[in-house]
PDB file of N, CA and C in Angstrom:
ATOM      1  N   MET A   1      59.357  12.058  52.595  1.00  0.00           N
ATOM      2  CA  MET A   1      58.787  10.710  52.482  1.00  0.00           C
ATOM      3  C   MET A   1      60.123   9.686  52.663  1.00  0.00           C
ATOM      4  N   ASN A   2      59.829   8.846  53.597  1.00  0.00           N
ATOM      5  CA  ASN A   2      60.770   7.873  53.845  1.00  0.00           C
ATOM      6  C   ASN A   2      60.625   6.709  52.707  1.00  0.00           C
ATOM      7  N   LEU A   3      61.348   5.664  52.719  1.00  0.00           N
ATOM      8  CA  LEU A   3      61.177   4.628  51.816  1.00  0.00           C
ATOM      9  C   LEU A   3      60.051   3.607  52.102  1.00  0.00           C
ATOM     10  N   GLU A   4      59.666   3.600  53.232  1.00  0.00           N
ATOM     11  CA  GLU A   4      58.827   2.747  53.688  1.00  0.00           C
ATOM     12  C   GLU A   4      57.385   3.123  53.335  1.00  0.00           C
ATOM     13  N   ASN A   5      57.149   4.409  53.067  1.00  0.00           N
ATOM     14  CA  ASN A   5      55.893   5.246  52.660  1.00  0.00           C
ATOM     15  C   ASN A   5      55.795   4.874  51.073  1.00  0.00           C
ATOM     16  N   ILE A   6      56.945   5.284  50.590  1.00  0.00           N
ATOM     17  CA  ILE A   6      57.049   5.235  49.051  1.00  0.00           C
ATOM     18  C   ILE A   6      56.510   3.724  48.769  1.00  0.00           C
ATOM     19  N   MET A   7      57.307   2.807  49.386  1.00  0.00           N
ATOM     20  CA  MET A   7      57.068   1.154  49.215  1.00  0.00           C
ATOM     21  C   MET A   7      55.300   0.914  49.145  1.00  0.00           C
ATOM     22  N   ARG A   8      54.899   1.583  50.338  1.00  0.00           N
ATOM     23  CA  ARG A   8      53.396   1.210  50.374  1.00  0.00           C
ATOM     24  C   ARG A   8      52.611   2.047  49.416  1.00  0.00           C
ATOM     25  N   TYR A   9      52.836   3.093  48.884  1.00  0.00           N
ATOM     26  CA  TYR A   9      52.047   3.876  47.812  1.00  0.00           C
ATOM     27  C   TYR A   9      52.584   2.939  46.703  1.00  0.00           C
ATOM     28  N   ALA A  10      53.503   2.665  46.309  1.00  0.00           N
ATOM     29  CA  ALA A  10      53.720   1.782  45.051  1.00  0.00           C
ATOM     30  C   ALA A  10      52.959   0.262  45.119  1.00  0.00           C
ATOM     31  N   ILE A  11      52.950  -0.206  46.220  1.00  0.00           N
ATOM     32  CA  ILE A  11      52.295  -1.484  46.421  1.00  0.00           C
ATOM     33  C   ILE A  11      50.648  -1.198  46.201  1.00  0.00           C
ATOM     34  N   LEU A  12      50.044  -0.066  46.721  1.00  0.00           N
ATOM     35  CA  LEU A  12      48.804   0.469  46.629  1.00  0.00           C
ATOM     36  C   LEU A  12      48.502   0.518  45.379  1.00  0.00           C
ATOM     37  N   ALA A  13      49.282   1.426  44.427  1.00  0.00           N
ATOM     38  CA  ALA A  13      48.930   1.750  43.110  1.00  0.00           C
ATOM     39  C   ALA A  13      49.073   0.129  42.080  1.00  0.00           C
ATOM     40  N   LEU A  14      50.170  -0.645  42.516  1.00  0.00           N
ATOM     41  CA  LEU A  14      49.867  -1.909  41.869  1.00  0.00           C
ATOM     42  C   LEU A  14      48.612  -2.422  42.045  1.00  0.00           C
ATOM     43  N   PHE A  15      48.204  -2.667  43.303  1.00  0.00           N
ATOM     44  CA  PHE A  15      47.122  -3.364  43.574  1.00  0.00           C
ATOM     45  C   PHE A  15      45.896  -2.821  42.845  1.00  0.00           C
ATOM     46  N   CYS A  16      45.924  -1.247  42.853  1.00  0.00           N
ATOM     47  CA  CYS A  16      44.638  -0.599  42.169  1.00  0.00           C
ATOM     48  C   CYS A  16      44.710  -1.187  40.630  1.00  0.00           C
ATOM     49  N   LEU A  17      45.863  -1.151  40.087  1.00  0.00           N
ATOM     50  CA  LEU A  17      46.204  -1.340  38.770  1.00  0.00           C
ATOM     51  C   LEU A  17      45.692  -2.673  38.485  1.00  0.00           C
ATOM     52  N   LEU A  18      45.934  -3.960  39.375  1.00  0.00           N
ATOM     53  CA  LEU A  18      45.647  -5.194  38.843  1.00  0.00           C
ATOM     54  C   LEU A  18      44.176  -5.088  38.975  1.00  0.00           C
ATOM     55  N   SER A  19      43.691  -4.907  40.252  1.00  0.00           N
ATOM     56  CA  SER A  19      42.089  -4.963  40.524  1.00  0.00           C
ATOM     57  C   SER A  19      41.168  -4.210  39.235  1.00  0.00           C
ATOM     58  N   SER A  20      41.649  -3.118  38.641  1.00  0.00           N
ATOM     59  CA  SER A  20      40.923  -2.507  37.625  1.00  0.00           C
ATOM     60  C   SER A  20      40.948  -3.217  36.431  1.00  0.00           C
ATOM     61  N   GLN A  21      41.925  -4.106  36.202  1.00  0.00           N
ATOM     62  CA  GLN A  21      42.000  -5.256  35.044  1.00  0.00           C
ATOM     63  C   GLN A  21      41.114  -6.157  35.438  1.00  0.00           C
ATOM     64  N   ALA A  22      40.334  -6.538  36.457  1.00  0.00           N
ATOM     65  CA  ALA A  22      39.332  -7.404  36.797  1.00  0.00           C
ATOM     66  C   ALA A  22      37.859  -6.996  36.625  1.00  0.00           C
ATOM     67  N   PHE A  23      37.949  -5.496  36.357  1.00  0.00           N
ATOM     68  CA  PHE A  23      36.419  -5.050  35.703  1.00  0.00           C
ATOM     69  C   PHE A  23      36.527  -4.620  34.494  1.00  0.00           C
ATOM     70  N   ALA A  24      37.415  -4.853  33.788  1.00  0.00           N
ATOM     71  CA  ALA A  24      37.745  -4.615  32.434  1.00  0.00           C
ATOM     72  C   ALA A  24      36.714  -5.520  31.493  1.00  0.00           C
ATOM     73  N   ASP A  25      36.213  -4.929  30.316  1.00  0.00           N
ATOM     74  CA  ASP A  25      35.043  -5.616  29.628  1.00  0.00           C
ATOM     75  C   ASP A  25      35.733  -6.559  28.861  1.00  0.00           C
ATOM     76  N   PRO A  26      35.843  -7.753  28.878  1.00  0.00           N
ATOM     77  CA  PRO A  26      36.448  -8.822  28.229  1.00  0.00           C
ATOM     78  C   PRO A  26      35.743  -8.903  26.552  1.00  0.00           C
ATOM     79  N   LYS A  27      36.653  -9.189  25.703  1.00  0.00           N
ATOM     80  CA  LYS A  27      36.089  -8.889  24.481  1.00  0.00           C
ATOM     81  C   LYS A  27      35.884 -10.670  23.903  1.00  0.00           C
ATOM     82  N   GLY A  28      35.038 -10.912  23.154  1.00  0.00           N
ATOM     83  CA  GLY A  28      34.749 -12.277  22.583  1.00  0.00           C
ATOM     84  C   GLY A  28      33.932 -12.873  23.336  1.00  0.00           C
ATOM     85  N   LEU A  29      33.383 -12.441  24.378  1.00  0.00           N
ATOM     86  CA  LEU A  29      32.369 -13.484  25.293  1.00  0.00           C
ATOM     87  C   LEU A  29      30.824 -13.120  24.456  1.00  0.00           C
ATOM     88  N   GLU A  30      30.163 -14.383  24.698  1.00  0.00           N
ATOM     89  CA  GLU A  30      28.812 -14.737  24.075  1.00  0.00           C
ATOM     90  C   GLU A  30      27.884 -14.474  25.286  1.00  0.00           C
ATOM     91  N   PRO A  31      26.615 -14.024  25.445  1.00  0.00           N
ATOM     92  CA  PRO A  31      25.665 -14.019  26.507  1.00  0.00           C
ATOM     93  C   PRO A  31      25.316 -15.667  26.573  1.00  0.00           C
ATOM     94  N   LEU A  32      24.881 -15.923  27.941  1.00  0.00           N
ATOM     95  CA  LEU A  32      24.485 -17.107  28.306  1.00  0.00           C
ATOM     96  C   LEU A  32      23.197 -17.483  27.457  1.00  0.00           C
ATOM     97  N   PRO A  33      22.720 -18.808  27.382  1.00  0.00           N
ATOM     98  CA  PRO A  33      21.262 -18.858  26.907  1.00  0.00           C
ATOM     99  C   PRO A  33      20.417 -18.918  27.800  1.00  0.00           C
ATOM    100  N   ASP A  34      19.297 -18.686  27.571  1.00  0.00           N
ATOM    101  CA  ASP A  34      18.019 -18.572  28.529  1.00  0.00           C
ATOM    102  C   ASP A  34      17.874 -19.673  29.251  1.00  0.00           C
ATOM    103  N   VAL A  35      17.271 -19.415  30.311  1.00  0.00           N
ATOM    104  CA  VAL A  35      17.238 -20.776  31.112  1.00  0.00           C
ATOM    105  C   VAL A  35      16.000 -21.392  30.895  1.00  0.00           C
ATOM    106  N   PRO A  36      15.986 -22.811  30.803  1.00  0.00           N
ATOM    107  CA  PRO A  36      14.507 -23.335  30.310  1.00  0.00           C
ATOM    108  C   PRO A  36      13.593 -23.301  31.562  1.00  0.00           C
ATOM    109  N   PRO A  37      12.359 -23.584  31.348  1.00  0.00           N
ATOM    110  CA  PRO A  37      11.556 -23.354  32.313  1.00  0.00           C
ATOM    111  C   PRO A  37      11.609 -24.753  33.151  1.00  0.00           C
ATOM    112  N   PRO A  38      11.090 -24.690  34.312  1.00  0.00           N
ATOM    113  CA  PRO A  38      10.963 -25.857  35.295  1.00  0.00           C
ATOM    114  C   PRO A  38      10.416 -26.806  34.914  1.00  0.00           C
ATOM    115  N   PRO A  39      10.554 -28.177  35.114  1.00  0.00           N
ATOM    116  CA  PRO A  39       9.500 -29.103  34.434  1.00  0.00           C
ATOM    117  C   PRO A  39       7.964 -29.264  35.343  1.00  0.00           C
ATOM    118  N   VAL A  40       7.338 -29.634  34.583  1.00  0.00           N
ATOM    119  CA  VAL A  40       5.924 -29.455  35.400  1.00  0.00           C
ATOM    120  C   VAL A  40       5.736 -30.700  36.201  1.00  0.00           C
ATOM    121  N   VAL A  41       5.364 -30.735  37.498  1.00  0.00           N
ATOM    122  CA  VAL A  41       5.148 -31.893  38.063  1.00  0.00           C
ATOM    123  C   VAL A  41       3.511 -32.382  38.144  1.00  0.00           C
ATOM    124  N   LYS A  42       3.507 -33.506  37.856  1.00  0.00           N
ATOM    125  CA  LYS A  42       2.144 -33.986  37.875  1.00  0.00           C
ATOM    126  C   LYS A  42       2.078 -35.020  38.484  1.00  0.00           C
ATOM    127  N   GLY A  43       0.748 -35.245  39.257  1.00  0.00           N
ATOM    128  CA  GLY A  43       0.475 -36.581  39.965  1.00  0.00           C
ATOM    129  C   GLY A  43       0.856 -36.352  41.367  1.00  0.00           C
ATOM    130  N   GLU A  44       1.329 -37.726  41.804  1.00  0.00           N
ATOM    131  CA  GLU A  44       1.919 -38.033  43.315  1.00  0.00           C
ATOM    132  C   GLU A  44       2.782 -37.106  43.609  1.00  0.00           C
ATOM    133  N   ASP A  45       3.601 -36.273  42.870  1.00  0.00           N
ATOM    134  CA  ASP A  45       4.483 -35.328  43.543  1.00  0.00           C
ATOM    135  C   ASP A  45       4.230 -34.319  44.221  1.00  0.00           C
ATOM    136  N   GLN A  46       2.764 -33.678  43.908  1.00  0.00           N
ATOM    137  CA  GLN A  46       2.271 -32.516  44.266  1.00  0.00           C
ATOM    138  C   GLN A  46       1.635 -33.177  45.604  1.00  0.00           C
ATOM    139  N   PRO A  47       1.422 -31.940  46.758  1.00  0.00           N
ATOM    140  CA  PRO A  47       0.899 -32.352  47.900  1.00  0.00           C
ATOM    141  C   PRO A  47      -0.484 -32.512  47.736  1.00  0.00           C
ATOM    142  N   GLU A  48      -1.177 -33.516  48.440  1.00  0.00           N
ATOM    143  CA  GLU A  48      -2.466 -33.720  48.856  1.00  0.00           C
ATOM    144  C   GLU A  48      -3.273 -32.686  50.102  1.00  0.00           C
ATOM    145  N   VAL A  49      -4.003 -32.036  49.707  1.00  0.00           N
ATOM    146  CA  VAL A  49      -4.545 -31.094  50.855  1.00  0.00           C
ATOM    147  C   VAL A  49      -5.914 -31.684  51.274  1.00  0.00           C
ATOM    148  N   THR A  50      -6.236 -31.960  52.462  1.00  0.00           N
ATOM    149  CA  THR A  50      -7.756 -32.478  52.966  1.00  0.00           C
ATOM    150  C   THR A  50      -7.914 -31.206  53.837  1.00  0.00           C
ATOM    151  N   ILE A  51      -9.132 -31.012  53.962  1.00  0.00           N
ATOM    152  CA  ILE A  51      -9.810 -29.895  54.484  1.00  0.00           C
ATOM    153  C   ILE A  51     -10.975 -30.432  55.536  1.00  0.00           C
ATOM    154  N   LYS A  52     -10.840 -30.179  56.828  1.00  0.00           N
ATOM    155  CA  LYS A  52     -11.827 -30.752  57.915  1.00  0.00           C
ATOM    156  C   LYS A  52     -12.028 -29.729  58.464  1.00  0.00           C
ATOM    157  N   GLN A  53     -13.624 -29.277  58.674  1.00  0.00           N
ATOM    158  CA  GLN A  53     -14.183 -28.470  59.837  1.00  0.00           C
ATOM    159  C   GLN A  53     -14.419 -29.154  61.057  1.00  0.00           C
ATOM    160  N   LYS A  54     -13.800 -28.601  62.049  1.00  0.00           N
ATOM    161  CA  LYS A  54     -14.277 -29.014  63.635  1.00  0.00           C
ATOM    162  C   LYS A  54     -14.917 -28.004  64.202  1.00  0.00           C
ATOM    163  N   GLY A  55     -16.056 -27.960  64.407  1.00  0.00           N
ATOM    164  CA  GLY A  55     -16.734 -26.946  64.852  1.00  0.00           C
ATOM    165  C   GLY A  55     -16.415 -25.344  64.542  1.00  0.00           C
ATOM    166  N   GLU A  56     -15.815 -24.852  64.847  1.00  0.00           N
ATOM    167  CA  GLU A  56     -15.542 -23.553  64.556  1.00  0.00           C
ATOM    168  C   GLU A  56     -14.161 -23.310  63.704  1.00  0.00           C
ATOM    169  N   GLU A  57     -13.170 -24.555  63.911  1.00  0.00           N
ATOM    170  CA  GLU A  57     -11.910 -24.688  63.397  1.00  0.00           C
ATOM    171  C   GLU A  57     -11.813 -25.086  61.884  1.00  0.00           C
ATOM    172  N   LYS A  58     -10.965 -24.429  61.540  1.00  0.00           N
ATOM    173  CA  LYS A  58     -10.613 -25.311  59.802  1.00  0.00           C
ATOM    174  C   LYS A  58      -9.218 -25.684  60.060  1.00  0.00           C
ATOM    175  N   ILE A  59      -9.118 -27.152  59.564  1.00  0.00           N
ATOM    176  CA  ILE A  59      -7.831 -28.055  59.705  1.00  0.00           C
ATOM    177  C   ILE A  59      -7.860 -28.400  58.425  1.00  0.00           C
ATOM    178  N   GLU A  60      -6.451 -27.988  58.054  1.00  0.00           N
ATOM    179  CA  GLU A  60      -5.913 -28.449  56.671  1.00  0.00           C
ATOM    180  C   GLU A  60      -4.817 -29.212  56.801  1.00  0.00           C
ATOM    181  N   GLU A  61      -4.894 -30.582  56.149  1.00  0.00           N
ATOM    182  CA  GLU A  61      -3.674 -31.596  56.274  1.00  0.00           C
ATOM    183  C   GLU A  61      -3.099 -31.754  55.167  1.00  0.00           C
ATOM    184  N   TYR A  62      -1.884 -31.644  54.946  1.00  0.00           N
ATOM    185  CA  TYR A  62      -1.149 -31.643  53.892  1.00  0.00           C
ATOM    186  C   TYR A  62      -0.298 -33.031  53.755  1.00  0.00           C
ATOM    187  N   ARG A  63      -0.388 -33.799  52.759  1.00  0.00           N
ATOM    188  CA  ARG A  63       0.218 -34.954  52.487  1.00  0.00           C
ATOM    189  C   ARG A  63       1.038 -35.351  51.298  1.00  0.00           C
ATOM    190  N   VAL A  64       2.246 -36.018  51.014  1.00  0.00           N
ATOM    191  CA  VAL A  64       2.968 -36.128  50.178  1.00  0.00           C
ATOM    192  C   VAL A  64       3.239 -37.933  50.227  1.00  0.00           C
ATOM    193  N   HIS A  65       2.840 -38.395  49.138  1.00  0.00           N
ATOM    194  CA  HIS A  65       2.858 -40.093  49.032  1.00  0.00           C
ATOM    195  C   HIS A  65       1.959 -40.515  50.118  1.00  0.00           C
ATOM    196  N   GLY A  66       1.036 -40.021  50.893  1.00  0.00           N
ATOM    197  CA  GLY A  66       0.178 -40.521  51.885  1.00  0.00           C
ATOM    198  C   GLY A  66       0.785 -40.124  52.864  1.00  0.00           C
ATOM    199  N   GLN A  67       2.053 -39.689  53.114  1.00  0.00           N
ATOM    200  CA  GLN A  67       2.448 -39.054  54.590  1.00  0.00           C
ATOM    201  C   GLN A  67       2.005 -37.705  55.048  1.00  0.00           C
ATOM    202  N   LEU A  68       1.582 -37.736  56.130  1.00  0.00           N
ATOM    203  CA  LEU A  68       1.322 -36.240  56.688  1.00  0.00           C
ATOM    204  C   LEU A  68       2.308 -35.702  56.965  1.00  0.00           C
ATOM    205  N   TYR A  69       2.813 -34.300  56.553  1.00  0.00           N
ATOM    206  CA  TYR A  69       3.926 -33.620  57.224  1.00  0.00           C
ATOM    207  C   TYR A  69       3.603 -32.468  57.546  1.00  0.00           C
ATOM    208  N   MET A  70       2.287 -31.728  57.303  1.00  0.00           N
ATOM    209  CA  MET A  70       2.070 -30.464  58.126  1.00  0.00           C
ATOM    210  C   MET A  70       0.538 -30.311  58.232  1.00  0.00           C
ATOM    211  N   ILE A  71       0.083 -29.726  59.415  1.00  0.00           N
ATOM    212  CA  ILE A  71      -1.256 -29.276  59.537  1.00  0.00           C
ATOM    213  C   ILE A  71      -1.303 -27.916  59.671  1.00  0.00           C
ATOM    214  N   LYS A  72      -2.392 -27.263  58.977  1.00  0.00           N
ATOM    215  CA  LYS A  72      -2.678 -25.891  59.324  1.00  0.00           C
ATOM    216  C   LYS A  72      -3.910 -25.846  60.042  1.00  0.00           C
ATOM    217  N   VAL A  73      -3.759 -25.166  61.262  1.00  0.00           N
ATOM    218  CA  VAL A  73      -5.282 -25.005  61.944  1.00  0.00           C
ATOM    219  C   VAL A  73      -5.347 -23.645  62.268  1.00  0.00           C
ATOM    220  N   THR A  74      -6.805 -23.382  61.605  1.00  0.00           N
ATOM    221  CA  THR A  74      -7.224 -21.774  61.656  1.00  0.00           C
ATOM    222  C   THR A  74      -8.362 -21.738  62.624  1.00  0.00           C
ATOM    223  N   PRO A  75      -8.158 -21.148  63.637  1.00  0.00           N
ATOM    224  CA  PRO A  75      -9.398 -21.013  64.672  1.00  0.00           C
ATOM    225  C   PRO A  75     -10.112 -20.065  64.395  1.00  0.00           C
ATOM    226  N   LYS A  76     -11.268 -20.221  64.895  1.00  0.00           N
ATOM    227  CA  LYS A  76     -12.722 -19.113  64.660  1.00  0.00           C
ATOM    228  C   LYS A  76     -11.951 -17.767  64.985  1.00  0.00           C
ATOM    229  N   HIS A  77     -11.395 -17.478  66.198  1.00  0.00           N
ATOM    230  CA  HIS A  77     -10.990 -16.203  66.375  1.00  0.00           C
ATOM    231  C   HIS A  77      -9.270 -16.342  66.875  1.00  0.00           C
ATOM    232  N   GLY A  78      -8.373 -15.566  66.253  1.00  0.00           N
ATOM    233  CA  GLY A  78      -6.921 -15.698  66.407  1.00  0.00           C
ATOM    234  C   GLY A  78      -6.152 -15.958  65.212  1.00  0.00           C
ATOM    235  N   VAL A  79      -4.907 -16.350  65.110  1.00  0.00           N
ATOM    236  CA  VAL A  79      -4.124 -16.359  63.981  1.00  0.00           C
ATOM    237  C   VAL A  79      -3.869 -17.688  63.654  1.00  0.00           C
ATOM    238  N   PRO A  80      -3.742 -18.331  62.449  1.00  0.00           N
ATOM    239  CA  PRO A  80      -3.546 -19.536  62.147  1.00  0.00           C
ATOM    240  C   PRO A  80      -2.379 -20.035  62.349  1.00  0.00           C
ATOM    241  N   TYR A  81      -2.162 -21.281  62.868  1.00  0.00           N
ATOM    242  CA  TYR A  81      -0.843 -21.972  63.192  1.00  0.00           C
ATOM    243  C   TYR A  81      -0.660 -23.352  62.598  1.00  0.00           C
ATOM    244  N   TYR A  82       0.637 -23.747  62.523  1.00  0.00           N
ATOM    245  CA  TYR A  82       1.060 -24.830  61.727  1.00  0.00           C
ATOM    246  C   TYR A  82       1.654 -25.952  62.584  1.00  0.00           C
ATOM    247  N   LEU A  83       1.497 -27.046  62.340  1.00  0.00           N
ATOM    248  CA  LEU A  83       2.065 -28.339  63.136  1.00  0.00           C
ATOM    249  C   LEU A  83       2.949 -28.946  62.035  1.00  0.00           C
ATOM    250  N   VAL A  84       4.109 -28.880  62.183  1.00  0.00           N
ATOM    251  CA  VAL A  84       5.058 -29.590  61.252  1.00  0.00           C
ATOM    252  C   VAL A  84       5.882 -30.773  61.526  1.00  0.00           C
ATOM    253  N   ASP A  85       6.098 -31.410  60.936  1.00  0.00           N
ATOM    254  CA  ASP A  85       6.784 -32.859  61.222  1.00  0.00           C
ATOM    255  C   ASP A  85       8.057 -32.450  60.674  1.00  0.00           C
ATOM    256  N   PRO A  86       9.228 -32.082  60.915  1.00  0.00           N
ATOM    257  CA  PRO A  86      10.558 -31.630  60.322  1.00  0.00           C
ATOM    258  C   PRO A  86      11.265 -32.887  60.026  1.00  0.00           C
ATOM    259  N   LYS A  87      11.141 -33.845  60.896  1.00  0.00           N
ATOM    260  CA  LYS A  87      12.148 -35.215  60.588  1.00  0.00           C
ATOM    261  C   LYS A  87      11.162 -36.097  59.728  1.00  0.00           C
ATOM    262  N   GLY A  88       9.882 -36.419  59.730  1.00  0.00           N
ATOM    263  CA  GLY A  88       9.185 -37.258  58.953  1.00  0.00           C
ATOM    264  C   GLY A  88       8.801 -38.376  59.997  1.00  0.00           C
ATOM    265  N   ASP A  89       9.065 -38.321  61.320  1.00  0.00           N
ATOM    266  CA  ASP A  89       8.911 -39.501  62.293  1.00  0.00           C
ATOM    267  C   ASP A  89       7.515 -39.282  63.181  1.00  0.00           C
ATOM    268  N   GLY A  90       6.718 -38.284  62.681  1.00  0.00           N
ATOM    269  CA  GLY A  90       5.443 -38.565  63.439  1.00  0.00           C
ATOM    270  C   GLY A  90       5.106 -37.436  64.531  1.00  0.00           C
ATOM    271  N   LYS A  91       6.569 -36.662  64.656  1.00  0.00           N
ATOM    272  CA  LYS A  91       6.376 -35.980  66.011  1.00  0.00           C
ATOM    273  C   LYS A  91       6.322 -34.513  65.388  1.00  0.00           C
ATOM    274  N   PHE A  92       5.106 -33.759  65.926  1.00  0.00           N
ATOM    275  CA  PHE A  92       4.681 -32.340  64.921  1.00  0.00           C
ATOM    276  C   PHE A  92       5.115 -31.420  66.052  1.00  0.00           C
ATOM    277  N   VAL A  93       5.682 -30.309  65.344  1.00  0.00           N
ATOM    278  CA  VAL A  93       6.402 -29.182  66.209  1.00  0.00           C
ATOM    279  C   VAL A  93       5.319 -27.815  65.768  1.00  0.00           C
ATOM    280  N   ARG A  94       4.989 -27.342  66.866  1.00  0.00           N
ATOM    281  CA  ARG A  94       4.046 -26.233  66.539  1.00  0.00           C
ATOM    282  C   ARG A  94       4.851 -24.827  66.084  1.00  0.00           C
ATOM    283  N   ARG A  95       4.330 -24.097  64.935  1.00  0.00           N
ATOM    284  CA  ARG A  95       5.073 -22.923  64.285  1.00  0.00           C
ATOM    285  C   ARG A  95       4.013 -22.141  64.192  1.00  0.00           C
ATOM    286  N   GLY A  96       4.285 -20.982  64.956  1.00  0.00           N
ATOM    287  CA  GLY A  96       3.195 -19.855  64.568  1.00  0.00           C
ATOM    288  C   GLY A  96       3.241 -19.325  62.999  1.00  0.00           C
ATOM    289  N   GLN A  97       4.280 -19.350  62.395  1.00  0.00           N
ATOM    290  CA  GLN A  97       4.466 -19.054  60.889  1.00  0.00           C
ATOM    291  C   GLN A  97       5.151 -20.158  60.338  1.00  0.00           C
ATOM    292  N   ILE A  98       4.788 -20.144  58.973  1.00  0.00           N
ATOM    293  CA  ILE A  98       5.613 -21.514  58.105  1.00  0.00           C
ATOM    294  C   ILE A  98       7.044 -21.082  57.940  1.00  0.00           C
ATOM    295  N   ASP A  99       7.301 -19.657  58.168  1.00  0.00           N
ATOM    296  CA  ASP A  99       8.751 -19.581  57.907  1.00  0.00           C
ATOM    297  C   ASP A  99       9.235 -18.575  59.064  1.00  0.00           C
ATOM    298  N   PRO A 100      10.058 -19.353  59.925  1.00  0.00           N
ATOM    299  CA  PRO A 100      10.290 -18.971  61.363  1.00  0.00           C
ATOM    300  C   PRO A 100      11.806 -18.178  61.292  1.00  0.00           C
ATOM    301  N   GLY A 101      12.526 -18.484  60.250  1.00  0.00           N
ATOM    302  CA  GLY A 101      13.731 -17.938  60.032  1.00  0.00           C
ATOM    303  C   GLY A 101      14.616 -18.893  59.147  1.00  0.00           C
ATOM    304  N   VAL A 102      15.787 -18.641  59.363  1.00  0.00           N
ATOM    305  CA  VAL A 102      16.755 -19.541  58.336  1.00  0.00           C
ATOM    306  C   VAL A 102      16.632 -20.878  59.261  1.00  0.00           C
ATOM    307  N   GLN A 103      16.544 -21.722  58.227  1.00  0.00           N
ATOM    308  CA  GLN A 103      16.486 -23.182  58.630  1.00  0.00           C
ATOM    309  C   GLN A 103      17.407 -24.106  57.575  1.00  0.00           C
ATOM    310  N   PRO A 104      17.926 -24.838  57.919  1.00  0.00           N
ATOM    311  CA  PRO A 104      18.865 -25.886  56.916  1.00  0.00           C
ATOM    312  C   PRO A 104      17.890 -26.556  56.331  1.00  0.00           C
ATOM    313  N   PRO A 105      18.054 -27.077  55.172  1.00  0.00           N
ATOM    314  CA  PRO A 105      17.209 -27.879  54.487  1.00  0.00           C
ATOM    315  C   PRO A 105      17.219 -29.134  54.775  1.00  0.00           C
ATOM    316  N   MET A 106      15.967 -29.874  54.975  1.00  0.00           N
ATOM    317  CA  MET A 106      16.045 -31.104  55.311  1.00  0.00           C
ATOM    318  C   MET A 106      15.216 -31.927  54.680  1.00  0.00           C
ATOM    319  N   TRP A 107      15.825 -32.567  53.414  1.00  0.00           N
ATOM    320  CA  TRP A 107      15.030 -33.279  52.447  1.00  0.00           C
ATOM    321  C   TRP A 107      15.321 -34.743  52.720  1.00  0.00           C
ATOM    322  N   VAL A 108      14.381 -35.516  52.354  1.00  0.00           N
ATOM    323  CA  VAL A 108      14.692 -36.940  52.442  1.00  0.00           C
ATOM    324  C   VAL A 108      14.919 -37.610  50.817  1.00  0.00           C
ATOM    325  N   ILE A 109      16.307 -37.743  50.808  1.00  0.00           N
ATOM    326  CA  ILE A 109      16.834 -38.154  49.434  1.00  0.00           C
ATOM    327  C   ILE A 109      16.243 -39.785  49.169  1.00  0.00           C
ATOM    328  N   HIS A 110      16.657 -40.647  50.274  1.00  0.00           N
ATOM    329  CA  HIS A 110      16.139 -42.074  49.849  1.00  0.00           C
ATOM    330  C   HIS A 110      15.746 -42.661  51.174  1.00  0.00           C
ATOM    331  N   ARG A 111      14.815 -43.420  50.985  1.00  0.00           N
ATOM    332  CA  ARG A 111      14.296 -44.307  52.510  1.00  0.00           C
ATOM    333  C   ARG A 111      14.745 -45.755  51.966  1.00  0.00           C
ATOM    334  N   PHE A 112      15.330 -46.323  52.882  1.00  0.00           N
ATOM    335  CA  PHE A 112      15.462 -47.863  53.062  1.00  0.00           C
ATOM    336  C   PHE A 112      14.237 -48.778  53.475  1.00  0.00           C
TER     337      PHE A 112
END
């Protein structure tokens, strides 16, 4: 063995020794308290759902604070689809499923 291999093994052994300390059981720690239940939302913060029948279709309109943000259309034959207003500007986008994949959160925090 040459000096370079000995140094590699020494560094590897030192790394293993230091990383094993990270998984050691520390003494004197207390468990975290239980998480409190989420607050109960009452009244106007919950969505208001209006169900309409147009012929053989069932249309469900979802509103928060009076603003329409989603429509679920259930045709007589076929799969239900959603019309969603992602930006709150009144322009609806059709979605076949409510969860098409990863989407960034787009919450309205404050309106002027």
